[in-house]
N, C-alpha and C. Protein backbone atom coordinates (compact mmCIF):
# COMPACT_ATOMS: atom_id res chain seq x y z
N MET A 1 143.14 106.20 -164.53
CA MET A 1 142.98 106.64 -163.16
C MET A 1 141.95 107.76 -163.07
N LYS A 2 142.03 108.75 -164.01
CA LYS A 2 141.06 109.84 -164.01
C LYS A 2 139.64 109.31 -164.21
N THR A 3 139.52 108.29 -165.06
CA THR A 3 138.21 107.70 -165.32
C THR A 3 137.67 107.05 -164.05
N LEU A 4 138.54 106.34 -163.34
CA LEU A 4 138.13 105.71 -162.09
C LEU A 4 137.70 106.75 -161.07
N MET A 5 138.46 107.82 -160.92
CA MET A 5 138.12 108.90 -159.98
C MET A 5 136.79 109.55 -160.37
N LEU A 6 136.61 109.80 -161.66
CA LEU A 6 135.38 110.41 -162.14
C LEU A 6 134.19 109.48 -161.86
N SER A 7 134.37 108.20 -162.06
CA SER A 7 133.31 107.22 -161.80
C SER A 7 132.93 107.21 -160.32
N ILE A 8 133.93 107.25 -159.44
CA ILE A 8 133.67 107.27 -158.00
C ILE A 8 132.92 108.53 -157.61
N VAL A 9 133.34 109.68 -158.13
CA VAL A 9 132.67 110.94 -157.85
C VAL A 9 131.23 110.90 -158.32
N VAL A 10 131.01 110.36 -159.53
CA VAL A 10 129.65 110.27 -160.07
C VAL A 10 128.80 109.35 -159.19
N LEU A 11 129.36 108.20 -158.81
CA LEU A 11 128.62 107.27 -157.95
C LEU A 11 128.30 107.89 -156.60
N LEU A 12 129.28 108.55 -156.01
CA LEU A 12 129.05 109.21 -154.72
C LEU A 12 128.00 110.30 -154.87
N GLY A 13 128.11 111.06 -155.94
CA GLY A 13 127.13 112.12 -156.18
C GLY A 13 125.74 111.56 -156.33
N MET A 14 125.60 110.42 -157.02
CA MET A 14 124.29 109.80 -157.18
C MET A 14 123.76 109.33 -155.84
N SER A 15 124.63 108.73 -155.03
CA SER A 15 124.21 108.25 -153.71
C SER A 15 123.76 109.40 -152.84
N VAL A 16 124.56 110.47 -152.79
CA VAL A 16 124.20 111.63 -151.98
C VAL A 16 122.91 112.23 -152.51
N GLY A 17 122.79 112.34 -153.84
CA GLY A 17 121.58 112.89 -154.43
C GLY A 17 120.36 112.06 -154.08
N THR A 18 120.52 110.75 -154.07
CA THR A 18 119.41 109.87 -153.73
C THR A 18 118.99 110.09 -152.28
N PHE A 19 119.95 110.19 -151.38
CA PHE A 19 119.62 110.42 -149.97
C PHE A 19 118.98 111.79 -149.78
N LEU A 20 119.49 112.80 -150.46
CA LEU A 20 118.89 114.13 -150.35
C LEU A 20 117.45 114.10 -150.86
N GLN A 21 117.24 113.40 -151.94
CA GLN A 21 115.89 113.30 -152.48
C GLN A 21 114.96 112.63 -151.46
N ALA A 22 115.44 111.56 -150.84
CA ALA A 22 114.62 110.86 -149.85
C ALA A 22 114.31 111.78 -148.67
N ASP A 23 115.28 112.55 -148.22
CA ASP A 23 115.07 113.47 -147.10
C ASP A 23 114.05 114.55 -147.47
N GLN A 24 114.12 115.04 -148.71
CA GLN A 24 113.20 116.09 -149.12
C GLN A 24 111.77 115.56 -149.22
N ASN A 25 111.60 114.28 -149.55
CA ASN A 25 110.26 113.71 -149.68
C ASN A 25 109.68 113.27 -148.35
N ASP A 26 110.52 113.05 -147.35
CA ASP A 26 110.05 112.63 -146.04
C ASP A 26 109.35 113.80 -145.35
N GLN A 27 108.10 113.60 -144.92
CA GLN A 27 107.35 114.67 -144.28
C GLN A 27 107.70 114.72 -142.79
N LYS A 28 108.18 115.85 -142.35
CA LYS A 28 108.57 116.06 -140.96
C LYS A 28 107.83 117.28 -140.46
N PHE A 29 107.22 117.14 -139.31
CA PHE A 29 106.42 118.23 -138.75
C PHE A 29 106.90 118.52 -137.34
N GLY A 30 108.07 119.14 -137.25
CA GLY A 30 108.65 119.43 -135.94
C GLY A 30 108.87 118.13 -135.18
N ASP A 31 108.45 118.12 -133.94
CA ASP A 31 108.59 116.92 -133.11
C ASP A 31 107.28 116.16 -132.99
N THR A 32 106.36 116.37 -133.92
CA THR A 32 105.08 115.68 -133.84
C THR A 32 105.12 114.38 -134.64
N GLN A 33 104.38 113.41 -134.16
CA GLN A 33 104.17 112.18 -134.88
C GLN A 33 102.67 111.89 -134.89
N PHE A 34 102.25 110.96 -135.73
CA PHE A 34 100.84 110.66 -135.93
C PHE A 34 100.58 109.19 -135.64
N LEU A 35 99.49 108.93 -134.94
CA LEU A 35 99.05 107.58 -134.65
C LEU A 35 97.62 107.47 -135.16
N ALA A 36 97.42 106.65 -136.20
CA ALA A 36 96.09 106.52 -136.81
C ALA A 36 95.11 105.87 -135.84
N TYR A 37 93.85 106.27 -135.93
CA TYR A 37 92.79 105.70 -135.09
C TYR A 37 91.93 104.77 -135.93
N GLN A 38 91.69 103.58 -135.41
CA GLN A 38 90.75 102.65 -136.02
C GLN A 38 89.83 102.18 -134.92
N GLY A 39 88.59 102.52 -135.02
CA GLY A 39 87.62 102.14 -134.01
C GLY A 39 86.29 102.79 -134.30
N PRO A 40 85.35 102.67 -133.37
CA PRO A 40 84.02 103.25 -133.60
C PRO A 40 84.09 104.76 -133.78
N GLN A 41 83.28 105.27 -134.70
CA GLN A 41 83.30 106.70 -135.00
C GLN A 41 82.04 107.43 -134.51
N LYS A 42 81.06 106.73 -134.01
CA LYS A 42 79.81 107.37 -133.60
C LYS A 42 79.84 107.84 -132.15
N ILE A 43 80.99 107.83 -131.55
CA ILE A 43 81.09 108.14 -130.12
C ILE A 43 81.57 109.55 -129.81
N TRP A 44 81.89 110.34 -130.81
CA TRP A 44 82.55 111.61 -130.57
C TRP A 44 81.57 112.70 -130.14
N PRO A 45 81.84 113.33 -129.02
CA PRO A 45 80.96 114.39 -128.53
C PRO A 45 81.15 115.70 -129.30
N THR A 46 80.11 116.53 -129.29
CA THR A 46 80.16 117.87 -129.87
C THR A 46 79.66 118.85 -128.82
N ALA A 47 79.88 120.13 -129.04
CA ALA A 47 79.43 121.16 -128.11
C ALA A 47 79.46 122.52 -128.81
N GLU A 48 78.90 123.49 -128.17
CA GLU A 48 78.93 124.87 -128.65
C GLU A 48 80.09 125.60 -127.97
N GLY A 49 80.65 126.56 -128.64
CA GLY A 49 81.56 127.49 -127.99
C GLY A 49 83.03 127.15 -127.96
N ALA A 50 83.54 126.36 -128.90
CA ALA A 50 84.98 126.10 -128.95
C ALA A 50 85.71 127.35 -129.44
N SER A 51 86.93 127.53 -128.97
CA SER A 51 87.79 128.58 -129.53
C SER A 51 88.44 128.00 -130.78
N VAL A 52 88.60 128.82 -131.81
CA VAL A 52 89.18 128.34 -133.06
C VAL A 52 90.34 129.23 -133.46
N ILE A 53 91.49 128.60 -133.68
CA ILE A 53 92.68 129.30 -134.17
C ILE A 53 92.74 129.04 -135.67
N ARG A 54 92.71 130.10 -136.47
CA ARG A 54 92.64 129.96 -137.93
C ARG A 54 93.90 130.48 -138.62
N ASP A 55 95.03 130.46 -137.94
CA ASP A 55 96.27 131.01 -138.49
C ASP A 55 97.14 130.00 -139.25
N HIS A 56 96.66 128.78 -139.41
CA HIS A 56 97.52 127.72 -139.95
C HIS A 56 96.86 126.97 -141.10
N ALA A 57 97.46 125.87 -141.52
CA ALA A 57 96.99 125.09 -142.67
C ALA A 57 95.55 124.62 -142.52
N VAL A 58 95.16 124.26 -141.31
CA VAL A 58 93.78 123.90 -141.00
C VAL A 58 93.44 124.56 -139.66
N PRO A 59 92.15 124.78 -139.37
CA PRO A 59 91.80 125.38 -138.09
C PRO A 59 92.08 124.44 -136.93
N ILE A 60 92.39 125.04 -135.78
CA ILE A 60 92.63 124.29 -134.55
C ILE A 60 91.50 124.63 -133.59
N PHE A 61 90.72 123.63 -133.22
CA PHE A 61 89.62 123.81 -132.28
C PHE A 61 90.11 123.49 -130.87
N ILE A 62 90.06 124.49 -130.01
CA ILE A 62 90.37 124.28 -128.59
C ILE A 62 89.01 124.08 -127.92
N GLY A 63 88.67 122.84 -127.70
CA GLY A 63 87.34 122.49 -127.22
C GLY A 63 86.57 121.81 -128.34
N LEU A 64 85.43 121.24 -128.00
CA LEU A 64 84.65 120.46 -128.95
C LEU A 64 83.95 121.33 -129.98
N PRO A 65 84.00 120.95 -131.24
CA PRO A 65 83.28 121.69 -132.28
C PRO A 65 81.79 121.34 -132.23
N LYS A 66 80.97 122.15 -132.88
CA LYS A 66 79.53 121.86 -132.89
C LYS A 66 79.15 120.92 -134.03
N MET A 67 80.02 120.73 -135.01
CA MET A 67 79.74 119.85 -136.15
C MET A 67 80.21 118.43 -135.87
N LYS A 68 79.53 117.44 -136.46
CA LYS A 68 79.95 116.05 -136.34
C LYS A 68 81.26 115.84 -137.10
N TYR A 69 82.06 114.93 -136.62
CA TYR A 69 83.38 114.71 -137.20
C TYR A 69 83.81 113.26 -137.07
N THR A 70 84.80 112.90 -137.85
CA THR A 70 85.45 111.60 -137.79
C THR A 70 86.87 111.84 -137.30
N VAL A 71 87.34 110.98 -136.42
CA VAL A 71 88.71 111.09 -135.92
C VAL A 71 89.61 110.21 -136.78
N LEU A 72 90.61 110.84 -137.38
CA LEU A 72 91.57 110.11 -138.20
C LEU A 72 92.75 109.59 -137.38
N GLY A 73 93.08 110.30 -136.29
CA GLY A 73 94.19 109.86 -135.46
C GLY A 73 94.63 110.92 -134.48
N ARG A 74 95.69 110.59 -133.78
CA ARG A 74 96.22 111.44 -132.72
C ARG A 74 97.59 111.97 -133.10
N ILE A 75 97.83 113.24 -132.81
CA ILE A 75 99.15 113.84 -132.97
C ILE A 75 99.79 113.86 -131.59
N TYR A 76 101.04 113.43 -131.51
CA TYR A 76 101.71 113.40 -130.22
C TYR A 76 103.19 113.71 -130.38
N ASP A 77 103.82 113.98 -129.25
CA ASP A 77 105.25 114.22 -129.18
C ASP A 77 105.86 112.97 -128.54
N PRO A 78 106.66 112.21 -129.28
CA PRO A 78 107.17 110.93 -128.77
C PRO A 78 108.28 111.05 -127.73
N ARG A 79 108.76 112.25 -127.47
CA ARG A 79 109.91 112.41 -126.56
C ARG A 79 109.43 112.33 -125.11
N SER A 80 109.27 111.11 -124.59
CA SER A 80 108.74 110.95 -123.24
C SER A 80 109.69 110.23 -122.29
N THR A 81 110.85 109.82 -122.78
CA THR A 81 111.82 109.15 -121.92
C THR A 81 113.24 109.61 -122.26
N GLY A 82 114.14 109.37 -121.35
CA GLY A 82 115.56 109.61 -121.57
C GLY A 82 115.90 111.02 -122.02
N VAL A 83 116.77 111.10 -123.02
CA VAL A 83 117.24 112.38 -123.54
C VAL A 83 116.08 113.16 -124.16
N GLY A 84 115.08 112.46 -124.66
CA GLY A 84 113.92 113.11 -125.25
C GLY A 84 113.23 114.08 -124.31
N ILE A 85 113.22 113.73 -123.03
CA ILE A 85 112.60 114.61 -122.03
C ILE A 85 113.35 115.93 -121.95
N VAL A 86 114.66 115.88 -122.03
CA VAL A 86 115.47 117.10 -122.00
C VAL A 86 115.17 117.95 -123.23
N GLY A 87 115.14 117.31 -124.41
CA GLY A 87 114.82 118.03 -125.64
C GLY A 87 113.44 118.65 -125.59
N ARG A 88 112.50 117.94 -125.02
CA ARG A 88 111.13 118.45 -124.89
C ARG A 88 111.11 119.66 -123.95
N GLY A 89 111.84 119.58 -122.86
CA GLY A 89 111.92 120.70 -121.93
C GLY A 89 112.55 121.93 -122.56
N LEU A 90 113.61 121.72 -123.34
CA LEU A 90 114.24 122.84 -124.04
C LEU A 90 113.30 123.45 -125.06
N ALA A 91 112.58 122.60 -125.80
CA ALA A 91 111.64 123.09 -126.81
C ALA A 91 110.55 123.93 -126.16
N GLU A 92 110.08 123.49 -125.01
CA GLU A 92 109.03 124.24 -124.31
C GLU A 92 109.52 125.62 -123.91
N GLY A 93 110.77 125.71 -123.51
CA GLY A 93 111.30 126.98 -123.06
C GLY A 93 111.76 127.90 -124.18
N LEU A 94 112.16 127.32 -125.31
CA LEU A 94 112.78 128.12 -126.37
C LEU A 94 111.90 128.46 -127.56
N PHE A 95 110.95 127.60 -127.88
CA PHE A 95 110.19 127.78 -129.11
C PHE A 95 108.74 128.15 -128.82
N PRO A 96 108.19 129.07 -129.59
CA PRO A 96 106.83 129.54 -129.31
C PRO A 96 105.76 128.48 -129.61
N GLU A 97 104.66 128.56 -128.89
CA GLU A 97 103.52 127.65 -129.07
C GLU A 97 103.00 127.72 -130.51
N LYS A 98 103.09 128.89 -131.11
CA LYS A 98 102.61 129.07 -132.49
C LYS A 98 103.32 128.10 -133.44
N ASP A 99 104.61 127.85 -133.23
CA ASP A 99 105.34 126.89 -134.05
C ASP A 99 104.79 125.48 -133.87
N ARG A 100 104.46 125.10 -132.65
CA ARG A 100 103.90 123.78 -132.38
C ARG A 100 102.50 123.66 -132.97
N GLN A 101 101.73 124.74 -132.91
CA GLN A 101 100.41 124.74 -133.54
C GLN A 101 100.54 124.53 -135.04
N ARG A 102 101.48 125.24 -135.65
CA ARG A 102 101.73 125.10 -137.10
C ARG A 102 102.08 123.65 -137.45
N ASP A 103 102.96 123.03 -136.66
CA ASP A 103 103.36 121.65 -136.92
C ASP A 103 102.15 120.71 -136.83
N CYS A 104 101.29 120.92 -135.84
CA CYS A 104 100.09 120.08 -135.68
C CYS A 104 99.13 120.28 -136.86
N ALA A 105 98.93 121.52 -137.27
CA ALA A 105 98.03 121.81 -138.39
C ALA A 105 98.57 121.21 -139.69
N ASN A 106 99.87 121.32 -139.91
CA ASN A 106 100.48 120.74 -141.12
C ASN A 106 100.39 119.21 -141.09
N GLN A 107 100.61 118.63 -139.93
CA GLN A 107 100.48 117.18 -139.77
C GLN A 107 99.04 116.74 -140.10
N ALA A 108 98.06 117.50 -139.60
CA ALA A 108 96.65 117.17 -139.83
C ALA A 108 96.32 117.23 -141.32
N ARG A 109 96.75 118.28 -141.97
CA ARG A 109 96.47 118.43 -143.41
C ARG A 109 97.13 117.29 -144.19
N TYR A 110 98.36 116.97 -143.86
CA TYR A 110 99.08 115.89 -144.53
C TYR A 110 98.36 114.55 -144.37
N ARG A 111 97.73 114.33 -143.22
CA ARG A 111 97.03 113.08 -142.93
C ARG A 111 95.60 113.05 -143.47
N GLY A 112 95.18 114.10 -144.16
CA GLY A 112 93.85 114.12 -144.76
C GLY A 112 92.78 114.77 -143.90
N GLY A 113 93.18 115.35 -142.78
CA GLY A 113 92.21 116.02 -141.92
C GLY A 113 91.92 117.42 -142.40
N ASN A 114 90.80 117.97 -141.92
CA ASN A 114 90.52 119.37 -142.24
C ASN A 114 90.42 120.22 -140.99
N ALA A 115 90.86 119.65 -139.84
CA ALA A 115 90.92 120.41 -138.60
C ALA A 115 91.72 119.63 -137.56
N VAL A 116 92.14 120.36 -136.54
CA VAL A 116 92.78 119.77 -135.36
C VAL A 116 91.83 120.01 -134.20
N LEU A 117 91.67 118.99 -133.36
CA LEU A 117 90.83 119.10 -132.17
C LEU A 117 91.70 118.92 -130.94
N VAL A 118 91.63 119.88 -130.03
CA VAL A 118 92.39 119.83 -128.78
C VAL A 118 91.36 119.78 -127.65
N THR A 119 91.32 118.66 -126.93
CA THR A 119 90.30 118.48 -125.90
C THR A 119 90.76 117.53 -124.80
N ASN A 120 90.09 117.61 -123.66
CA ASN A 120 90.32 116.63 -122.60
C ASN A 120 88.99 115.98 -122.19
N HIS A 121 88.06 115.91 -123.13
CA HIS A 121 86.77 115.29 -122.87
C HIS A 121 86.98 113.82 -122.47
N ASP A 122 86.31 113.40 -121.39
CA ASP A 122 86.50 112.06 -120.85
C ASP A 122 86.23 110.94 -121.86
N ARG A 123 85.20 111.09 -122.67
CA ARG A 123 84.85 110.05 -123.63
C ARG A 123 85.97 109.86 -124.66
N ILE A 124 86.58 110.94 -125.05
CA ILE A 124 87.67 110.85 -126.03
C ILE A 124 88.93 110.26 -125.39
N LEU A 125 89.24 110.70 -124.18
CA LEU A 125 90.41 110.14 -123.50
C LEU A 125 90.24 108.64 -123.28
N LYS A 126 89.03 108.23 -122.95
CA LYS A 126 88.75 106.81 -122.73
C LYS A 126 88.90 106.02 -124.03
N ALA A 127 88.43 106.56 -125.16
CA ALA A 127 88.55 105.88 -126.45
C ALA A 127 90.01 105.65 -126.82
N PHE A 128 90.88 106.57 -126.41
CA PHE A 128 92.31 106.44 -126.71
C PHE A 128 93.09 105.82 -125.56
N SER A 129 92.40 105.43 -124.48
CA SER A 129 93.04 104.85 -123.29
C SER A 129 94.16 105.73 -122.77
N LEU A 130 93.88 107.03 -122.66
CA LEU A 130 94.89 107.98 -122.20
C LEU A 130 94.59 108.45 -120.78
N THR A 131 95.64 108.54 -119.98
CA THR A 131 95.52 109.11 -118.64
C THR A 131 96.04 110.54 -118.67
N LYS A 132 95.79 111.27 -117.61
CA LYS A 132 96.32 112.65 -117.52
C LYS A 132 97.85 112.62 -117.58
N ASP A 133 98.46 111.61 -116.98
CA ASP A 133 99.92 111.49 -117.00
C ASP A 133 100.42 111.25 -118.43
N ASP A 134 99.72 110.38 -119.19
CA ASP A 134 100.09 110.14 -120.60
C ASP A 134 100.06 111.45 -121.38
N LEU A 135 99.02 112.23 -121.17
CA LEU A 135 98.87 113.49 -121.90
C LEU A 135 100.00 114.45 -121.57
N GLU A 136 100.28 114.60 -120.30
CA GLU A 136 101.32 115.54 -119.90
C GLU A 136 102.67 115.20 -120.52
N LYS A 137 102.94 113.91 -120.72
CA LYS A 137 104.21 113.47 -121.28
C LYS A 137 104.27 113.54 -122.80
N THR A 138 103.10 113.51 -123.48
CA THR A 138 103.13 113.35 -124.94
C THR A 138 102.39 114.42 -125.74
N THR A 139 101.66 115.32 -125.10
CA THR A 139 100.92 116.32 -125.85
C THR A 139 101.89 117.30 -126.52
N PRO A 140 101.73 117.54 -127.83
CA PRO A 140 102.66 118.41 -128.53
C PRO A 140 102.42 119.91 -128.28
N LEU A 141 101.24 120.27 -127.78
CA LEU A 141 100.95 121.67 -127.48
C LEU A 141 101.14 121.90 -125.98
N PHE A 142 102.22 122.56 -125.64
CA PHE A 142 102.60 122.68 -124.24
C PHE A 142 101.64 123.54 -123.43
N GLU A 143 100.92 124.44 -124.07
CA GLU A 143 99.95 125.24 -123.34
C GLU A 143 98.67 124.46 -123.06
N HIS A 144 98.60 123.24 -123.57
CA HIS A 144 97.43 122.38 -123.36
C HIS A 144 97.90 120.98 -122.95
N LYS A 145 98.73 120.91 -121.93
CA LYS A 145 99.33 119.64 -121.51
C LYS A 145 98.33 118.61 -121.02
N ASP A 146 97.14 119.05 -120.67
CA ASP A 146 96.13 118.12 -120.17
C ASP A 146 95.16 117.69 -121.26
N LYS A 147 95.49 117.94 -122.52
CA LYS A 147 94.56 117.68 -123.62
C LYS A 147 95.20 116.81 -124.70
N VAL A 148 94.35 116.04 -125.36
CA VAL A 148 94.77 115.23 -126.50
C VAL A 148 94.62 116.09 -127.76
N VAL A 149 95.49 115.86 -128.73
CA VAL A 149 95.47 116.61 -130.00
C VAL A 149 95.12 115.60 -131.10
N LEU A 150 93.98 115.82 -131.75
CA LEU A 150 93.46 114.89 -132.74
C LEU A 150 93.39 115.50 -134.13
N VAL A 151 93.55 114.67 -135.13
CA VAL A 151 93.29 115.04 -136.52
C VAL A 151 91.85 114.61 -136.80
N ILE A 152 91.03 115.57 -137.23
CA ILE A 152 89.63 115.24 -137.50
C ILE A 152 89.24 115.67 -138.91
N LYS A 153 88.15 115.09 -139.36
CA LYS A 153 87.56 115.45 -140.64
C LYS A 153 86.07 115.63 -140.37
N PHE A 154 85.56 116.79 -140.71
CA PHE A 154 84.14 117.06 -140.47
C PHE A 154 83.30 116.22 -141.42
N GLU A 155 82.20 115.68 -140.91
CA GLU A 155 81.34 114.77 -141.68
C GLU A 155 80.76 115.46 -142.91
N ALA A 156 80.48 116.75 -142.86
CA ALA A 156 79.98 117.45 -144.03
C ALA A 156 80.98 117.36 -145.17
N GLU A 157 82.26 117.40 -144.85
CA GLU A 157 83.31 117.27 -145.87
C GLU A 157 83.37 115.85 -146.42
N ILE A 158 83.14 114.86 -145.55
CA ILE A 158 83.18 113.47 -145.98
C ILE A 158 82.00 113.18 -146.90
N ALA A 159 80.82 113.65 -146.52
CA ALA A 159 79.60 113.42 -147.31
C ALA A 159 79.69 114.08 -148.68
N ALA A 160 80.40 115.20 -148.78
CA ALA A 160 80.50 115.93 -150.03
C ALA A 160 81.34 115.18 -151.07
N LYS A 161 82.17 114.25 -150.63
CA LYS A 161 83.07 113.53 -151.56
C LYS A 161 82.44 112.30 -152.13
């Protein structure tokens, strides 16, 4: 009987350990998710004078950067219906924007990007088929509800590899 009990405990321990291991390996970045972009890359606009936040894993450009870049994908908050809307509203009221910026920067680094781009440039919104309403419901940075949040890689970095 003791052997049977010990075997069950060992098996349960292995199962729990396996699940814990899986949870530890799963990358979670707050309430952000990533949608990879596959499409033309020569369409991205650049400009002078973007604001840059450098407090996180990668810089966050608020506005278009002056360097050419490749878009790897979009970071978004999937909570746009049902109970998710309530959770999103609570998050906006309770948690600082800096935490959401950190989550976006970590997501970008994990996806192979070397920067985050936050913009509402028409050409970019059109490439992603996003409306202002889509943005307001899914943008992970609440202080920039009218902007898309992208993971980008600067072309100078790509050419260097």
